[in-house]
Amino acid sequence: AESYSYYLDLRKYGSVPHSGFGLGLERAVAWIS
């Protein structure tokens, strides 16, 4: 938990719903090419 204290701070000080994603560049290149 100590290693994630900064991450928990995001929920302590003005938390909001939020979303995200990650695209792997090389897989996208393989598919499109």
ModelCIF file with pLDDT and N, C-alpha, C, O atoms, coordinates in Angstrom:
data_MODEL
#
_entry.id   MODEL 
#
_entity.id                         1 
_entity.type                       polymer 
_entity.pdbx_number_of_molecules   1 
#
_entity_poly.entity_id                      1 
_entity_poly.type                           'polypeptide(L)' 
_entity_poly.nstd_linkage                   no 
_entity_poly.nstd_monomer                   no 
_entity_poly.pdbx_seq_one_letter_code       AESYSYYLDLRKYGSVPHSGFGLGLERAVAWIS 
_entity_poly.pdbx_seq_one_letter_code_can   AESYSYYLDLRKYGSVPHSGFGLGLERAVAWIS 
_entity_poly.pdbx_strand_id                 A 
#
loop_
_entity_poly_seq.entity_id 
_entity_poly_seq.num 
_entity_poly_seq.mon_id 
_entity_poly_seq.hetero 
1 1  ALA n 
1 2  GLU n 
1 3  SER n 
1 4  TYR n 
1 5  SER n 
1 6  TYR n 
1 7  TYR n 
1 8  LEU n 
1 9  ASP n 
1 10 LEU n 
1 11 ARG n 
1 12 LYS n 
1 13 TYR n 
1 14 GLY n 
1 15 SER n 
1 16 VAL n 
1 17 PRO n 
1 18 HIS n 
1 19 SER n 
1 20 GLY n 
1 21 PHE n 
1 22 GLY n 
1 23 LEU n 
1 24 GLY n 
1 25 LEU n 
1 26 GLU n 
1 27 ARG n 
1 28 ALA n 
1 29 VAL n 
1 30 ALA n 
1 31 TRP n 
1 32 ILE n 
1 33 SER n 
#
_struct_asym.id          A 
_struct_asym.entity_id   1 
#
loop_
_ma_qa_metric.id 
_ma_qa_metric.mode 
_ma_qa_metric.name 
_ma_qa_metric.software_group_id 
_ma_qa_metric.type 
1 global pLDDT . pLDDT 
2 local  pLDDT . pLDDT 
#
_ma_qa_metric_global.metric_id      1 
_ma_qa_metric_global.metric_value   96.85 
_ma_qa_metric_global.model_id       1 
_ma_qa_metric_global.ordinal_id     1 
#
loop_
_ma_qa_metric_local.label_asym_id 
_ma_qa_metric_local.label_comp_id 
_ma_qa_metric_local.label_seq_id 
_ma_qa_metric_local.metric_id 
_ma_qa_metric_local.metric_value 
_ma_qa_metric_local.model_id 
_ma_qa_metric_local.ordinal_id 
A ALA 1  2 90.00 1 1  
A GLU 2  2 90.00 1 2  
A SER 3  2 88.00 1 3  
A TYR 4  2 93.00 1 4  
A SER 5  2 95.00 1 5  
A TYR 6  2 96.00 1 6  
A TYR 7  2 96.00 1 7  
A LEU 8  2 97.00 1 8  
A ASP 9  2 98.00 1 9  
A LEU 10 2 98.00 1 10 
A ARG 11 2 98.00 1 11 
A LYS 12 2 98.00 1 12 
A TYR 13 2 98.00 1 13 
A GLY 14 2 98.00 1 14 
A SER 15 2 98.00 1 15 
A VAL 16 2 98.00 1 16 
A PRO 17 2 98.00 1 17 
A HIS 18 2 98.00 1 18 
A SER 19 2 99.00 1 19 
A GLY 20 2 98.00 1 20 
A PHE 21 2 98.00 1 21 
A GLY 22 2 98.00 1 22 
A LEU 23 2 98.00 1 23 
A GLY 24 2 98.00 1 24 
A LEU 25 2 98.00 1 25 
A GLU 26 2 98.00 1 26 
A ARG 27 2 98.00 1 27 
A ALA 28 2 98.00 1 28 
A VAL 29 2 98.00 1 29 
A ALA 30 2 98.00 1 30 
A TRP 31 2 98.00 1 31 
A ILE 32 2 98.00 1 32 
A SER 33 2 98.00 1 33 
#
loop_
_atom_site.group_PDB 
_atom_site.id 
_atom_site.type_symbol 
_atom_site.label_atom_id 
_atom_site.label_alt_id 
_atom_site.label_comp_id 
_atom_site.label_asym_id 
_atom_site.label_entity_id 
_atom_site.label_seq_id 
_atom_site.pdbx_PDB_ins_code 
_atom_site.Cartn_x 
_atom_site.Cartn_y 
_atom_site.Cartn_z 
_atom_site.occupancy 
_atom_site.B_iso_or_equiv 
_atom_site.pdbx_formal_charge 
_atom_site.auth_seq_id 
_atom_site.auth_comp_id 
_atom_site.auth_asym_id 
_atom_site.auth_atom_id 
_atom_site.pdbx_PDB_model_num 
ATOM 1   N N  . ALA A 1 1  ? 0.826   -1.216 0.000   1.00 90.00 ? 1  ALA A N  1 
ATOM 2   C CA . ALA A 1 1  ? 0.000   0.000  0.000   1.00 90.00 ? 1  ALA A CA 1 
ATOM 3   C C  . ALA A 1 1  ? 0.856   1.259  0.000   1.00 90.00 ? 1  ALA A C  1 
ATOM 4   O O  . ALA A 1 1  ? 0.466   2.273  -0.579  1.00 90.00 ? 1  ALA A O  1 
ATOM 5   N N  . GLU A 1 2  ? 2.019   1.204  0.644   1.00 90.00 ? 2  GLU A N  1 
ATOM 6   C CA . GLU A 1 2  ? 2.876   2.386  0.696   1.00 90.00 ? 2  GLU A CA 1 
ATOM 7   C C  . GLU A 1 2  ? 3.354   2.779  -0.693  1.00 90.00 ? 2  GLU A C  1 
ATOM 8   O O  . GLU A 1 2  ? 3.464   3.966  -1.001  1.00 90.00 ? 2  GLU A O  1 
ATOM 9   N N  . SER A 1 3  ? 3.643   1.773  -1.546  1.00 88.00 ? 3  SER A N  1 
ATOM 10  C CA . SER A 1 3  ? 4.102   2.056  -2.905  1.00 88.00 ? 3  SER A CA 1 
ATOM 11  C C  . SER A 1 3  ? 3.013   2.717  -3.743  1.00 88.00 ? 3  SER A C  1 
ATOM 12  O O  . SER A 1 3  ? 3.296   3.380  -4.741  1.00 88.00 ? 3  SER A O  1 
ATOM 13  N N  . TYR A 1 4  ? 1.756   2.525  -3.321  1.00 93.00 ? 4  TYR A N  1 
ATOM 14  C CA . TYR A 1 4  ? 0.628   3.069  -4.074  1.00 93.00 ? 4  TYR A CA 1 
ATOM 15  C C  . TYR A 1 4  ? -0.017  4.259  -3.360  1.00 93.00 ? 4  TYR A C  1 
ATOM 16  O O  . TYR A 1 4  ? -1.151  4.626  -3.668  1.00 93.00 ? 4  TYR A O  1 
ATOM 17  N N  . SER A 1 5  ? 0.694   4.854  -2.421  1.00 95.00 ? 5  SER A N  1 
ATOM 18  C CA . SER A 1 5  ? 0.090   5.953  -1.660  1.00 95.00 ? 5  SER A CA 1 
ATOM 19  C C  . SER A 1 5  ? -0.269  7.130  -2.562  1.00 95.00 ? 5  SER A C  1 
ATOM 20  O O  . SER A 1 5  ? -1.299  7.773  -2.362  1.00 95.00 ? 5  SER A O  1 
ATOM 21  N N  . TYR A 1 6  ? 0.585   7.418  -3.565  1.00 96.00 ? 6  TYR A N  1 
ATOM 22  C CA . TYR A 1 6  ? 0.260   8.517  -4.493  1.00 96.00 ? 6  TYR A CA 1 
ATOM 23  C C  . TYR A 1 6  ? -0.995  8.185  -5.296  1.00 96.00 ? 6  TYR A C  1 
ATOM 24  O O  . TYR A 1 6  ? -1.786  9.074  -5.609  1.00 96.00 ? 6  TYR A O  1 
ATOM 25  N N  . TYR A 1 7  ? -1.177  6.913  -5.627  1.00 96.00 ? 7  TYR A N  1 
ATOM 26  C CA . TYR A 1 7  ? -2.336  6.482  -6.399  1.00 96.00 ? 7  TYR A CA 1 
ATOM 27  C C  . TYR A 1 7  ? -3.603  6.615  -5.563  1.00 96.00 ? 7  TYR A C  1 
ATOM 28  O O  . TYR A 1 7  ? -4.657  6.991  -6.076  1.00 96.00 ? 7  TYR A O  1 
ATOM 29  N N  . LEU A 1 8  ? -3.494  6.304  -4.275  1.00 97.00 ? 8  LEU A N  1 
ATOM 30  C CA . LEU A 1 8  ? -4.643  6.461  -3.385  1.00 97.00 ? 8  LEU A CA 1 
ATOM 31  C C  . LEU A 1 8  ? -4.984  7.932  -3.182  1.00 97.00 ? 8  LEU A C  1 
ATOM 32  O O  . LEU A 1 8  ? -6.150  8.285  -3.006  1.00 97.00 ? 8  LEU A O  1 
ATOM 33  N N  . ASP A 1 9  ? -3.958  8.795  -3.207  1.00 98.00 ? 9  ASP A N  1 
ATOM 34  C CA . ASP A 1 9  ? -4.222  10.235 -3.066  1.00 98.00 ? 9  ASP A CA 1 
ATOM 35  C C  . ASP A 1 9  ? -5.183  10.747 -4.131  1.00 98.00 ? 9  ASP A C  1 
ATOM 36  O O  . ASP A 1 9  ? -5.944  11.684 -3.888  1.00 98.00 ? 9  ASP A O  1 
ATOM 37  N N  . LEU A 1 10 ? -5.150  10.130 -5.315  1.00 98.00 ? 10 LEU A N  1 
ATOM 38  C CA . LEU A 1 10 ? -6.040  10.565 -6.389  1.00 98.00 ? 10 LEU A CA 1 
ATOM 39  C C  . LEU A 1 10 ? -7.500  10.348 -6.009  1.00 98.00 ? 10 LEU A C  1 
ATOM 40  O O  . LEU A 1 10 ? -8.386  11.043 -6.505  1.00 98.00 ? 10 LEU A O  1 
ATOM 41  N N  . ARG A 1 11 ? -7.749  9.370  -5.117  1.00 98.00 ? 11 ARG A N  1 
ATOM 42  C CA . ARG A 1 11 ? -9.108  9.095  -4.654  1.00 98.00 ? 11 ARG A CA 1 
ATOM 43  C C  . ARG A 1 11 ? -9.458  9.907  -3.397  1.00 98.00 ? 11 ARG A C  1 
ATOM 44  O O  . ARG A 1 11 ? -10.626 10.011 -3.025  1.00 98.00 ? 11 ARG A O  1 
ATOM 45  N N  . LYS A 1 12 ? -8.433  10.480 -2.747  1.00 98.00 ? 12 LYS A N  1 
ATOM 46  C CA . LYS A 1 12 ? -8.674  11.275 -1.537  1.00 98.00 ? 12 LYS A CA 1 
ATOM 47  C C  . LYS A 1 12 ? -9.031  12.717 -1.858  1.00 98.00 ? 12 LYS A C  1 
ATOM 48  O O  . LYS A 1 12 ? -9.831  13.341 -1.160  1.00 98.00 ? 12 LYS A O  1 
ATOM 49  N N  . TYR A 1 13 ? -8.436  13.238 -2.915  1.00 98.00 ? 13 TYR A N  1 
ATOM 50  C CA . TYR A 1 13 ? -8.518  14.670 -3.183  1.00 98.00 ? 13 TYR A CA 1 
ATOM 51  C C  . TYR A 1 13 ? -9.226  14.940 -4.516  1.00 98.00 ? 13 TYR A C  1 
ATOM 52  O O  . TYR A 1 13 ? -8.588  15.116 -5.554  1.00 98.00 ? 13 TYR A O  1 
ATOM 53  N N  . GLY A 1 14 ? -10.546 14.967 -4.456  1.00 98.00 ? 14 GLY A N  1 
ATOM 54  C CA . GLY A 1 14 ? -11.330 15.314 -5.640  1.00 98.00 ? 14 GLY A CA 1 
ATOM 55  C C  . GLY A 1 14 ? -11.471 14.189 -6.640  1.00 98.00 ? 14 GLY A C  1 
ATOM 56  O O  . GLY A 1 14 ? -11.323 14.404 -7.843  1.00 98.00 ? 14 GLY A O  1 
ATOM 57  N N  . SER A 1 15 ? -11.755 12.992 -6.158  1.00 98.00 ? 15 SER A N  1 
ATOM 58  C CA . SER A 1 15 ? -11.902 11.844 -7.062  1.00 98.00 ? 15 SER A CA 1 
ATOM 59  C C  . SER A 1 15 ? -13.076 12.043 -8.014  1.00 98.00 ? 15 SER A C  1 
ATOM 60  O O  . SER A 1 15 ? -14.105 12.608 -7.646  1.00 98.00 ? 15 SER A O  1 
ATOM 61  N N  . VAL A 1 16 ? -12.902 11.569 -9.240  1.00 98.00 ? 16 VAL A N  1 
ATOM 62  C CA . VAL A 1 16 ? -13.974 11.637 -10.246 1.00 98.00 ? 16 VAL A CA 1 
ATOM 63  C C  . VAL A 1 16 ? -13.991 10.333 -11.036 1.00 98.00 ? 16 VAL A C  1 
ATOM 64  O O  . VAL A 1 16 ? -12.986 9.624  -11.086 1.00 98.00 ? 16 VAL A O  1 
ATOM 65  N N  . PRO A 1 17 ? -15.128 10.012 -11.652 1.00 98.00 ? 17 PRO A N  1 
ATOM 66  C CA . PRO A 1 17 ? -15.117 8.876  -12.583 1.00 98.00 ? 17 PRO A CA 1 
ATOM 67  C C  . PRO A 1 17 ? -14.118 9.142  -13.701 1.00 98.00 ? 17 PRO A C  1 
ATOM 68  O O  . PRO A 1 17 ? -14.039 10.257 -14.216 1.00 98.00 ? 17 PRO A O  1 
ATOM 69  N N  . HIS A 1 18 ? -13.366 8.131  -14.070 1.00 98.00 ? 18 HIS A N  1 
ATOM 70  C CA . HIS A 1 18 ? -12.411 8.303  -15.167 1.00 98.00 ? 18 HIS A CA 1 
ATOM 71  C C  . HIS A 1 18 ? -12.115 6.953  -15.797 1.00 98.00 ? 18 HIS A C  1 
ATOM 72  O O  . HIS A 1 18 ? -12.262 5.904  -15.169 1.00 98.00 ? 18 HIS A O  1 
ATOM 73  N N  . SER A 1 19 ? -11.696 7.008  -17.047 1.00 99.00 ? 19 SER A N  1 
ATOM 74  C CA . SER A 1 19 ? -11.471 5.792  -17.832 1.00 99.00 ? 19 SER A CA 1 
ATOM 75  C C  . SER A 1 19 ? -10.260 5.981  -18.726 1.00 99.00 ? 19 SER A C  1 
ATOM 76  O O  . SER A 1 19 ? -9.829  7.103  -18.989 1.00 99.00 ? 19 SER A O  1 
ATOM 77  N N  . GLY A 1 20 ? -9.724  4.866  -19.184 1.00 98.00 ? 20 GLY A N  1 
ATOM 78  C CA . GLY A 1 20 ? -8.582  4.935  -20.083 1.00 98.00 ? 20 GLY A CA 1 
ATOM 79  C C  . GLY A 1 20 ? -8.336  3.609  -20.761 1.00 98.00 ? 20 GLY A C  1 
ATOM 80  O O  . GLY A 1 20 ? -9.016  2.616  -20.500 1.00 98.00 ? 20 GLY A O  1 
ATOM 81  N N  . PHE A 1 21 ? -7.340  3.612  -21.643 1.00 98.00 ? 21 PHE A N  1 
ATOM 82  C CA . PHE A 1 21 ? -7.021  2.400  -22.391 1.00 98.00 ? 21 PHE A CA 1 
ATOM 83  C C  . PHE A 1 21 ? -5.590  2.457  -22.877 1.00 98.00 ? 21 PHE A C  1 
ATOM 84  O O  . PHE A 1 21 ? -4.940  3.501  -22.824 1.00 98.00 ? 21 PHE A O  1 
ATOM 85  N N  . GLY A 1 22 ? -5.111  1.330  -23.347 1.00 98.00 ? 22 GLY A N  1 
ATOM 86  C CA . GLY A 1 22 ? -3.775  1.265  -23.918 1.00 98.00 ? 22 GLY A CA 1 
ATOM 87  C C  . GLY A 1 22 ? -3.801  0.510  -25.229 1.00 98.00 ? 22 GLY A C  1 
ATOM 88  O O  . GLY A 1 22 ? -4.360  -0.583 -25.319 1.00 98.00 ? 22 GLY A O  1 
ATOM 89  N N  . LEU A 1 23 ? -3.187  1.107  -26.258 1.00 98.00 ? 23 LEU A N  1 
ATOM 90  C CA . LEU A 1 23 ? -3.070  0.448  -27.561 1.00 98.00 ? 23 LEU A CA 1 
ATOM 91  C C  . LEU A 1 23 ? -1.614  0.057  -27.776 1.00 98.00 ? 23 LEU A C  1 
ATOM 92  O O  . LEU A 1 23 ? -0.717  0.889  -27.646 1.00 98.00 ? 23 LEU A O  1 
ATOM 93  N N  . GLY A 1 24 ? -1.385  -1.204 -28.103 1.00 98.00 ? 24 GLY A N  1 
ATOM 94  C CA . GLY A 1 24 ? -0.042  -1.673 -28.414 1.00 98.00 ? 24 GLY A CA 1 
ATOM 95  C C  . GLY A 1 24 ? 0.314   -1.341 -29.853 1.00 98.00 ? 24 GLY A C  1 
ATOM 96  O O  . GLY A 1 24 ? -0.300  -1.852 -30.790 1.00 98.00 ? 24 GLY A O  1 
ATOM 97  N N  . LEU A 1 25 ? 1.313   -0.480 -30.020 1.00 98.00 ? 25 LEU A N  1 
ATOM 98  C CA . LEU A 1 25 ? 1.644   0.012  -31.358 1.00 98.00 ? 25 LEU A CA 1 
ATOM 99  C C  . LEU A 1 25 ? 2.004   -1.126 -32.304 1.00 98.00 ? 25 LEU A C  1 
ATOM 100 O O  . LEU A 1 25 ? 1.489   -1.183 -33.420 1.00 98.00 ? 25 LEU A O  1 
ATOM 101 N N  . GLU A 1 26 ? 2.867   -2.021 -31.882 1.00 98.00 ? 26 GLU A N  1 
ATOM 102 C CA . GLU A 1 26 ? 3.355   -3.059 -32.800 1.00 98.00 ? 26 GLU A CA 1 
ATOM 103 C C  . GLU A 1 26 ? 2.237   -4.000 -33.250 1.00 98.00 ? 26 GLU A C  1 
ATOM 104 O O  . GLU A 1 26 ? 2.216   -4.425 -34.405 1.00 98.00 ? 26 GLU A O  1 
ATOM 105 N N  . ARG A 1 27 ? 1.317   -4.326 -32.357 1.00 98.00 ? 27 ARG A N  1 
ATOM 106 C CA . ARG A 1 27 ? 0.190   -5.174 -32.777 1.00 98.00 ? 27 ARG A CA 1 
ATOM 107 C C  . ARG A 1 27 ? -0.706  -4.437 -33.770 1.00 98.00 ? 27 ARG A C  1 
ATOM 108 O O  . ARG A 1 27 ? -1.192  -5.024 -34.736 1.00 98.00 ? 27 ARG A O  1 
ATOM 109 N N  . ALA A 1 28 ? -0.917  -3.145 -33.523 1.00 98.00 ? 28 ALA A N  1 
ATOM 110 C CA . ALA A 1 28 ? -1.729  -2.362 -34.462 1.00 98.00 ? 28 ALA A CA 1 
ATOM 111 C C  . ALA A 1 28 ? -1.055  -2.294 -35.822 1.00 98.00 ? 28 ALA A C  1 
ATOM 112 O O  . ALA A 1 28 ? -1.722  -2.414 -36.850 1.00 98.00 ? 28 ALA A O  1 
ATOM 113 N N  . VAL A 1 29 ? 0.268   -2.101 -35.842 1.00 98.00 ? 29 VAL A N  1 
ATOM 114 C CA . VAL A 1 29 ? 0.995   -2.064 -37.112 1.00 98.00 ? 29 VAL A CA 1 
ATOM 115 C C  . VAL A 1 29 ? 0.897   -3.405 -37.818 1.00 98.00 ? 29 VAL A C  1 
ATOM 116 O O  . VAL A 1 29 ? 0.681   -3.449 -39.029 1.00 98.00 ? 29 VAL A O  1 
ATOM 117 N N  . ALA A 1 30 ? 1.051   -4.497 -37.082 1.00 98.00 ? 30 ALA A N  1 
ATOM 118 C CA . ALA A 1 30 ? 0.971   -5.826 -37.690 1.00 98.00 ? 30 ALA A CA 1 
ATOM 119 C C  . ALA A 1 30 ? -0.384  -6.037 -38.356 1.00 98.00 ? 30 ALA A C  1 
ATOM 120 O O  . ALA A 1 30 ? -0.462  -6.496 -39.496 1.00 98.00 ? 30 ALA A O  1 
ATOM 121 N N  . TRP A 1 31 ? -1.453  -5.695 -37.635 1.00 98.00 ? 31 TRP A N  1 
ATOM 122 C CA . TRP A 1 31 ? -2.797  -5.878 -38.194 1.00 98.00 ? 31 TRP A CA 1 
ATOM 123 C C  . TRP A 1 31 ? -3.019  -5.001 -39.420 1.00 98.00 ? 31 TRP A C  1 
ATOM 124 O O  . TRP A 1 31 ? -3.451  -5.495 -40.462 1.00 98.00 ? 31 TRP A O  1 
ATOM 125 N N  . ILE A 1 32 ? -2.731  -3.710 -39.310 1.00 98.00 ? 32 ILE A N  1 
ATOM 126 C CA . ILE A 1 32 ? -3.049  -2.798 -40.403 1.00 98.00 ? 32 ILE A CA 1 
ATOM 127 C C  . ILE A 1 32 ? -2.173  -3.072 -41.626 1.00 98.00 ? 32 ILE A C  1 
ATOM 128 O O  . ILE A 1 32 ? -2.645  -2.963 -42.758 1.00 98.00 ? 32 ILE A O  1 
ATOM 129 N N  . SER A 1 33 ? -0.906  -3.424 -41.412 1.00 98.00 ? 33 SER A N  1 
ATOM 130 C CA . SER A 1 33 ? -0.016  -3.706 -42.548 1.00 98.00 ? 33 SER A CA 1 
ATOM 131 C C  . SER A 1 33 ? -0.170  -5.129 -43.069 1.00 98.00 ? 33 SER A C  1 
ATOM 132 O O  . SER A 1 33 ? 0.509   -5.515 -44.020 1.00 98.00 ? 33 SER A O  1 
#
